Amino acid sequence: MKNPIIALAGVVVLSISLPIFISVVSYGDKEEVKIEKNINVSNESKDKQSKKIVSYETIDKKSPNIKVYNHILGKTQDMDMEEYLCGVLSGEMSPSFELEALKAQAVAARTFVIYKQEQGNPSQHSDAPVCTNYEHCQEYKSSEQLKRTNGEKWMKESYSKIQQAVRETKGQIITYDKKAIQPLYFSTSSGKTENSEEVFSAKYPYLKSVESKYDTISPKFESEVKVSREEFANYINKSYSGAGLTASNLDNQVKIIDRSNGGAANNIKIGNKELTGRDIRRIFKLNSANFDINFDDKYATFKVKGYGHGVGMSQWGAEGMAQEGYKYYDILLHYYTGTEIKDIY
């Protein structure tokens, strides 16, 4: 017969171990269920959660001074680069935009300056690489002008956000093949951006047509322009002698021949002439060259999508991406194909 003390000890051990074992197994089952629930999240959520925060701040040097031709004052000024960029950002993008969109715009604006410096000063302002005229370079508004126009509250709430976007991207530019790119940007796409060669003739490997699906949030995503049939014929005949348009027969005299990859009207047969979508946009002051033309008994109606030339970064597309959780570098690397972001100071 076995020792009764040993037998008793065995019973005690078993009585203690069994509840613990059952508890552990039961707890493990609950954790498996909990983990399984966490796995069943949407792909979009998983993508957002898996985005890595990237820091491009590798250099910490003082920002340089640059020469800027002030077209209002009619003279060239020395400005700190980052202070100049705050003025550009104030003119080029609304401070109501998401911070990441503003940061993308700040990097694009800084890249524009470096690109211009590397290209050499233009004849319009031969002693400065950039000017304050948006028709030639980038829009610029001084802090004094902004304070005078918008007041102290705006400066505290909105200008400080612009300064933050510039500060948090200090010294960063967009490069392709280790050189600053020409960072074209515009307001609103039609859902896709344009290839540079289809708009400006010059072909840049980083200015490719890409999807820009968030532009539908833009107030200028769709627009309409209506002119009478007589006005349509008169505008064309006045601009292009020999076009031979007649108001009564426009339906058979106007035809869009082909479109760009981004959807803009490329070539249009109008009477005896072949024009481009850009020509029509200029004549009728349309928001973009992406349009359809419909004729009824009285009017020619343009249904237009997008606003701007369509090449490079869409600002409203950037805003939409930022609202979806994308970072400024995600935005820039999406719109400028095959590029890298580099910190130069």
Protein backbone atom coordinates (compact mmCIF):
# COMPACT_ATOMS: atom_id res chain seq x y z
CA MET A 1 0.00 0.00 0.00
CA LYS A 2 1.25 3.46 -0.88
CA ASN A 3 2.25 5.96 1.77
CA PRO A 4 -0.97 7.80 2.86
CA ILE A 5 0.93 11.07 3.27
CA ILE A 6 2.14 10.98 -0.34
CA ALA A 7 -1.36 10.19 -1.56
CA LEU A 8 -2.81 13.05 0.46
CA ALA A 9 -0.20 15.46 -0.98
CA GLY A 10 -1.13 14.38 -4.48
CA VAL A 11 -4.78 15.15 -3.91
CA VAL A 12 -3.91 18.60 -2.56
CA VAL A 13 -1.70 19.44 -5.55
CA LEU A 14 -4.35 18.24 -7.98
CA SER A 15 -7.08 20.27 -6.28
CA ILE A 16 -4.98 23.43 -6.56
CA SER A 17 -3.66 22.90 -10.12
CA LEU A 18 -6.92 21.92 -11.81
CA PRO A 19 -8.79 25.25 -11.27
CA ILE A 20 -5.70 27.19 -12.36
CA PHE A 21 -5.40 25.12 -15.55
CA ILE A 22 -9.11 25.57 -16.35
CA SER A 23 -8.82 29.32 -15.73
CA VAL A 24 -5.81 29.68 -18.02
CA VAL A 25 -7.46 27.74 -20.84
CA SER A 26 -10.65 29.76 -20.48
CA TYR A 27 -8.74 33.10 -20.47
CA GLY A 28 -6.79 32.03 -23.52
CA ASP A 29 -10.02 31.35 -25.43
CA LYS A 30 -11.32 34.85 -24.60
CA GLU A 31 -8.09 36.45 -25.84
CA GLU A 32 -8.33 34.54 -29.13
CA VAL A 33 -11.85 35.87 -29.68
CA LYS A 34 -10.73 39.40 -28.82
CA ILE A 35 -7.77 39.23 -31.19
CA GLU A 36 -9.99 37.80 -33.96
CA LYS A 37 -12.32 40.79 -33.58
CA ASN A 38 -9.42 43.19 -33.86
CA ILE A 39 -8.24 41.52 -37.06
CA ASN A 40 -11.61 42.06 -38.72
CA VAL A 41 -11.08 45.79 -39.41
CA SER A 42 -11.40 47.36 -42.84
CA ASN A 43 -8.42 47.40 -45.18
CA GLU A 44 -8.55 51.18 -45.25
CA SER A 45 -8.26 51.38 -41.46
CA LYS A 46 -5.36 48.94 -41.50
CA ASP A 47 -3.61 51.02 -44.15
CA LYS A 48 -3.99 54.17 -42.09
CA GLN A 49 -2.78 52.43 -38.93
CA SER A 50 0.24 50.99 -40.72
CA LYS A 51 1.45 54.34 -42.12
CA LYS A 52 4.89 55.13 -40.79
CA ILE A 53 5.83 58.58 -39.64
CA VAL A 54 8.88 59.64 -41.64
CA SER A 55 11.24 62.42 -40.58
CA TYR A 56 13.08 64.22 -43.36
CA GLU A 57 14.77 66.62 -40.94
CA THR A 58 18.40 65.53 -41.31
CA ILE A 59 20.13 68.92 -41.43
CA ASP A 60 19.80 71.84 -39.05
CA LYS A 61 21.35 74.94 -40.59
CA LYS A 62 20.22 78.56 -40.62
CA SER A 63 17.80 79.30 -43.45
CA PRO A 64 19.38 81.31 -46.28
CA ASN A 65 18.44 84.74 -47.52
CA ILE A 66 17.10 85.01 -51.07
CA LYS A 67 16.54 87.86 -53.48
CA VAL A 68 12.89 88.55 -54.36
CA TYR A 69 11.67 91.15 -56.83
CA ASN A 70 8.68 92.93 -55.29
CA HIS A 71 6.57 93.85 -58.32
CA ILE A 72 4.35 96.17 -56.25
CA LEU A 73 7.24 98.20 -54.83
CA GLY A 74 9.25 97.85 -58.04
CA LYS A 75 12.46 96.79 -56.30
CA THR A 76 14.45 93.73 -55.27
CA GLN A 77 14.46 92.78 -51.59
CA ASP A 78 16.55 90.43 -49.45
CA MET A 79 14.30 88.04 -47.54
CA ASP A 80 14.80 85.08 -45.25
CA MET A 81 13.68 82.04 -47.23
CA GLU A 82 11.33 80.70 -44.55
CA GLU A 83 9.72 84.09 -43.92
CA TYR A 84 9.23 84.50 -47.68
CA LEU A 85 7.56 81.07 -47.80
CA CYS A 86 5.07 82.10 -45.10
CA GLY A 87 4.04 84.95 -47.40
CA VAL A 88 3.77 82.59 -50.38
CA LEU A 89 1.71 80.07 -48.46
CA SER A 90 -0.63 82.85 -47.30
CA GLY A 91 -1.29 83.73 -50.93
CA GLU A 92 -1.37 80.27 -52.50
CA MET A 93 -3.43 78.16 -50.07
CA SER A 94 -6.16 78.82 -47.54
CA PRO A 95 -5.08 78.39 -43.90
CA SER A 96 -8.37 76.56 -43.36
CA PHE A 97 -6.79 73.59 -45.18
CA GLU A 98 -5.41 70.68 -43.16
CA LEU A 99 -1.90 71.14 -41.79
CA GLU A 100 -0.51 68.28 -43.90
CA ALA A 101 -1.83 69.91 -47.09
CA LEU A 102 -0.25 73.21 -46.05
CA LYS A 103 3.03 71.43 -45.39
CA ALA A 104 2.93 69.84 -48.86
CA GLN A 105 2.35 73.29 -50.33
CA ALA A 106 5.24 74.72 -48.29
CA VAL A 107 7.66 72.10 -49.64
CA ALA A 108 6.46 72.69 -53.21
CA ALA A 109 6.87 76.47 -52.81
CA ARG A 110 10.40 76.07 -51.39
CA THR A 111 11.30 73.72 -54.24
CA PHE A 112 10.09 76.33 -56.72
CA VAL A 113 12.62 78.85 -55.37
CA ILE A 114 15.53 76.40 -55.52
CA TYR A 115 14.51 75.32 -59.03
CA LYS A 116 14.47 78.95 -60.17
CA GLN A 117 17.85 79.62 -58.58
CA GLU A 118 19.35 76.68 -60.43
CA GLN A 119 17.80 77.80 -63.73
CA GLY A 120 19.22 81.33 -63.50
CA ASN A 121 17.42 84.64 -63.12
CA PRO A 122 14.72 85.34 -65.74
CA SER A 123 14.71 88.45 -67.91
CA GLN A 124 11.58 89.80 -66.20
CA HIS A 125 13.59 90.36 -62.99
CA SER A 126 17.21 89.70 -63.85
CA ASP A 127 18.59 90.44 -60.39
CA ALA A 128 16.31 87.98 -58.55
CA PRO A 129 15.28 84.37 -59.22
CA VAL A 130 11.68 84.92 -58.05
CA CYS A 131 9.14 87.72 -57.80
CA THR A 132 5.91 88.43 -55.91
CA ASN A 133 3.66 88.34 -59.00
CA TYR A 134 1.57 85.15 -59.16
CA GLU A 135 1.19 85.54 -62.93
CA HIS A 136 4.92 84.92 -63.30
CA CYS A 137 6.14 83.21 -60.11
CA GLN A 138 4.24 82.62 -56.85
CA GLU A 139 1.72 84.74 -54.98
CA TYR A 140 3.29 86.55 -52.02
CA LYS A 141 1.73 88.58 -49.21
CA SER A 142 3.86 90.23 -46.54
CA SER A 143 2.98 89.84 -42.86
CA GLU A 144 2.31 93.59 -42.70
CA GLN A 145 -0.12 93.34 -45.59
CA LEU A 146 -1.84 90.30 -44.06
CA LYS A 147 -2.17 91.98 -40.67
CA ARG A 148 -3.58 95.12 -42.26
CA THR A 149 -6.07 93.16 -44.35
CA ASN A 150 -7.10 90.37 -41.96
CA GLY A 151 -6.48 91.73 -38.46
CA GLU A 152 -4.80 90.50 -35.29
CA LYS A 153 -7.13 87.55 -34.73
CA TRP A 154 -6.40 86.10 -38.17
CA MET A 155 -2.67 86.50 -37.61
CA LYS A 156 -2.89 84.68 -34.30
CA GLU A 157 -5.08 81.82 -35.49
CA SER A 158 -4.37 81.41 -39.21
CA TYR A 159 -0.92 82.89 -39.85
CA SER A 160 0.49 80.88 -36.96
CA LYS A 161 -0.76 77.70 -38.67
CA ILE A 162 1.00 78.75 -41.88
CA GLN A 163 4.19 79.42 -39.94
CA GLN A 164 3.90 75.96 -38.39
CA ALA A 165 3.61 74.31 -41.82
CA VAL A 166 6.74 76.12 -43.01
CA ARG A 167 8.65 75.50 -39.77
CA GLU A 168 7.89 71.77 -39.68
CA THR A 169 9.23 71.28 -43.22
CA LYS A 170 12.24 73.60 -42.86
CA GLY A 171 14.76 73.17 -45.65
CA GLN A 172 12.91 70.36 -47.42
CA ILE A 173 12.59 70.26 -51.22
CA ILE A 174 11.39 67.76 -53.85
CA THR A 175 14.06 66.27 -56.08
CA TYR A 176 14.28 64.04 -59.14
CA ASP A 177 17.66 62.61 -60.08
CA LYS A 178 19.10 64.65 -57.16
CA LYS A 179 17.96 67.98 -58.61
CA ALA A 180 15.11 70.27 -57.59
CA ILE A 181 12.03 69.68 -59.72
CA GLN A 182 9.72 72.20 -61.33
CA PRO A 183 6.91 71.74 -58.80
CA LEU A 184 3.86 72.83 -60.75
CA TYR A 185 0.61 72.96 -58.80
CA PHE A 186 -2.95 74.13 -59.38
CA SER A 187 -6.33 74.34 -57.66
CA THR A 188 -8.56 71.42 -58.69
CA SER A 189 -8.30 68.41 -60.99
CA SER A 190 -11.12 66.67 -62.82
CA GLY A 191 -10.28 63.40 -61.08
CA LYS A 192 -6.90 62.93 -62.79
CA THR A 193 -3.96 65.25 -63.30
CA GLU A 194 -2.38 65.88 -66.71
CA ASN A 195 0.86 64.82 -68.38
CA SER A 196 3.04 67.94 -68.68
CA GLU A 197 3.72 67.41 -72.39
CA GLU A 198 0.00 67.42 -73.17
CA VAL A 199 -0.41 70.87 -71.64
CA PHE A 200 2.92 72.70 -71.91
CA SER A 201 4.72 70.69 -74.64
CA ALA A 202 7.75 70.15 -72.34
CA LYS A 203 7.93 66.60 -70.98
CA TYR A 204 9.01 66.09 -67.36
CA PRO A 205 9.31 62.52 -66.02
CA TYR A 206 7.90 63.56 -62.63
CA LEU A 207 4.89 65.45 -63.99
CA LYS A 208 2.79 62.46 -64.99
CA SER A 209 -0.96 61.99 -65.04
CA VAL A 210 -2.10 60.41 -61.75
CA GLU A 211 -5.45 59.80 -60.11
CA SER A 212 -6.73 62.59 -57.87
CA LYS A 213 -9.97 61.19 -56.52
CA TYR A 214 -10.55 63.57 -53.62
CA ASP A 215 -11.04 66.70 -55.74
CA THR A 216 -14.79 66.30 -55.63
CA ILE A 217 -14.70 68.22 -52.32
CA SER A 218 -13.56 71.34 -54.18
CA PRO A 219 -16.22 74.04 -54.76
CA LYS A 220 -14.74 74.39 -58.25
CA PHE A 221 -14.80 70.72 -59.20
CA GLU A 222 -17.68 71.38 -61.60
CA SER A 223 -18.76 74.62 -63.27
CA GLU A 224 -20.87 75.77 -66.19
CA VAL A 225 -20.51 78.59 -68.69
CA LYS A 226 -23.32 79.49 -71.07
CA VAL A 227 -23.11 81.83 -74.08
CA SER A 228 -25.55 82.45 -76.90
CA ARG A 229 -24.93 80.72 -80.21
CA GLU A 230 -24.29 84.13 -81.79
CA GLU A 231 -21.72 85.03 -79.14
CA PHE A 232 -19.97 81.69 -79.56
CA ALA A 233 -19.64 82.15 -83.34
CA ASN A 234 -18.58 85.80 -83.00
CA TYR A 235 -15.89 85.08 -80.40
CA ILE A 236 -14.34 82.34 -82.53
CA ASN A 237 -14.54 84.26 -85.83
CA LYS A 238 -13.04 87.34 -84.19
CA SER A 239 -10.18 85.38 -82.62
CA TYR A 240 -9.48 83.23 -85.69
CA SER A 241 -10.14 84.77 -89.06
CA GLY A 242 -11.20 82.18 -91.60
CA ALA A 243 -12.92 79.96 -89.03
CA GLY A 244 -16.18 80.56 -90.90
CA LEU A 245 -18.56 79.69 -88.07
CA THR A 246 -22.27 80.28 -88.49
CA ALA A 247 -24.49 80.45 -85.41
CA SER A 248 -27.24 78.43 -87.05
CA ASN A 249 -25.05 75.42 -87.79
CA LEU A 250 -22.76 75.05 -84.74
CA ASP A 251 -23.82 71.47 -84.01
CA ASN A 252 -22.18 70.29 -87.23
CA GLN A 253 -19.20 72.69 -87.10
CA VAL A 254 -17.83 71.95 -83.61
CA LYS A 255 -16.34 68.60 -82.58
CA ILE A 256 -13.83 67.55 -79.90
CA ILE A 257 -11.40 65.29 -81.77
CA ASP A 258 -9.40 63.83 -78.90
CA ARG A 259 -8.63 64.21 -75.22
CA SER A 260 -5.58 64.07 -72.98
CA ASN A 261 -4.90 61.27 -70.52
CA GLY A 262 -6.34 63.49 -67.80
CA GLY A 263 -9.53 64.17 -69.76
CA ALA A 264 -8.88 67.67 -71.11
CA ALA A 265 -9.96 68.52 -74.65
CA ASN A 266 -6.82 68.29 -76.79
CA ASN A 267 -7.81 69.15 -80.35
CA ILE A 268 -11.14 70.59 -81.41
CA LYS A 269 -12.42 71.03 -84.95
CA ILE A 270 -14.21 74.39 -85.08
CA GLY A 271 -15.37 75.44 -88.50
CA ASN A 272 -12.35 75.63 -90.79
CA LYS A 273 -9.88 75.69 -87.90
CA GLU A 274 -8.42 73.14 -85.52
CA LEU A 275 -7.94 74.61 -82.03
CA THR A 276 -6.83 73.25 -78.67
CA GLY A 277 -8.82 72.99 -75.48
CA ARG A 278 -6.50 75.63 -74.02
CA ASP A 279 -7.47 78.01 -76.82
CA ILE A 280 -11.15 77.57 -76.02
CA ARG A 281 -10.50 77.90 -72.30
CA ARG A 282 -8.77 81.24 -72.88
CA ILE A 283 -11.43 82.64 -75.24
CA PHE A 284 -14.39 81.77 -73.02
CA LYS A 285 -12.58 82.13 -69.66
CA LEU A 286 -13.30 78.57 -68.57
CA ASN A 287 -11.95 77.14 -65.31
CA SER A 288 -10.07 74.40 -67.16
CA ALA A 289 -9.62 72.76 -70.56
CA ASN A 290 -11.59 69.71 -69.42
CA PHE A 291 -15.05 70.42 -70.79
CA ASP A 292 -17.92 69.25 -72.94
CA ILE A 293 -19.89 71.56 -75.26
CA ASN A 294 -23.64 71.20 -75.79
CA PHE A 295 -25.79 73.26 -78.12
CA ASP A 296 -29.51 73.92 -77.94
CA ASP A 297 -31.71 76.33 -79.89
CA LYS A 298 -30.31 79.39 -78.11
CA TYR A 299 -27.12 78.59 -76.23
CA ALA A 300 -23.73 76.93 -76.25
CA THR A 301 -23.16 75.41 -72.80
CA PHE A 302 -19.76 74.38 -71.43
CA LYS A 303 -19.77 71.74 -68.71
CA VAL A 304 -16.36 72.12 -67.07
CA LYS A 305 -14.46 69.94 -64.61
CA GLY A 306 -11.54 71.14 -62.49
CA TYR A 307 -9.82 74.49 -62.12
CA GLY A 308 -6.35 75.28 -63.42
CA HIS A 309 -3.86 73.78 -65.87
CA GLY A 310 -4.03 70.32 -64.27
CA VAL A 311 -0.30 69.56 -64.10
CA GLY A 312 1.46 68.55 -60.87
CA MET A 313 -0.13 68.78 -57.43
CA SER A 314 -3.83 69.46 -57.08
CA GLN A 315 -4.29 71.63 -54.00
CA TRP A 316 -7.81 70.38 -53.31
CA GLY A 317 -6.63 66.85 -54.00
CA ALA A 318 -3.92 67.40 -51.40
CA GLU A 319 -6.53 68.67 -48.97
CA GLY A 320 -8.66 65.57 -49.54
CA MET A 321 -5.68 63.29 -48.97
CA ALA A 322 -4.81 65.17 -45.76
CA GLN A 323 -8.39 64.77 -44.54
CA GLU A 324 -8.04 61.02 -45.11
CA GLY A 325 -4.96 60.88 -42.88
CA TYR A 326 -2.15 61.07 -45.43
CA LYS A 327 1.03 62.94 -44.50
CA TYR A 328 2.55 65.73 -46.56
CA TYR A 329 5.22 63.44 -47.99
CA ASP A 330 2.55 60.93 -49.08
CA ILE A 331 0.85 63.77 -50.94
CA LEU A 332 4.02 65.02 -52.63
CA LEU A 333 5.28 61.60 -53.65
CA HIS A 334 1.85 60.80 -55.11
CA TYR A 335 1.59 63.89 -57.30
CA TYR A 336 5.27 64.10 -58.33
CA THR A 337 6.11 60.69 -59.80
CA GLY A 338 9.44 59.08 -58.90
CA THR A 339 10.65 61.95 -56.73
CA GLU A 340 12.40 62.12 -53.37
CA ILE A 341 12.27 64.64 -50.53
CA LYS A 342 15.59 66.10 -49.46
CA ASP A 343 16.55 68.36 -46.55
CA ILE A 344 19.06 71.00 -47.71
CA TYR A 345 19.28 73.17 -44.57
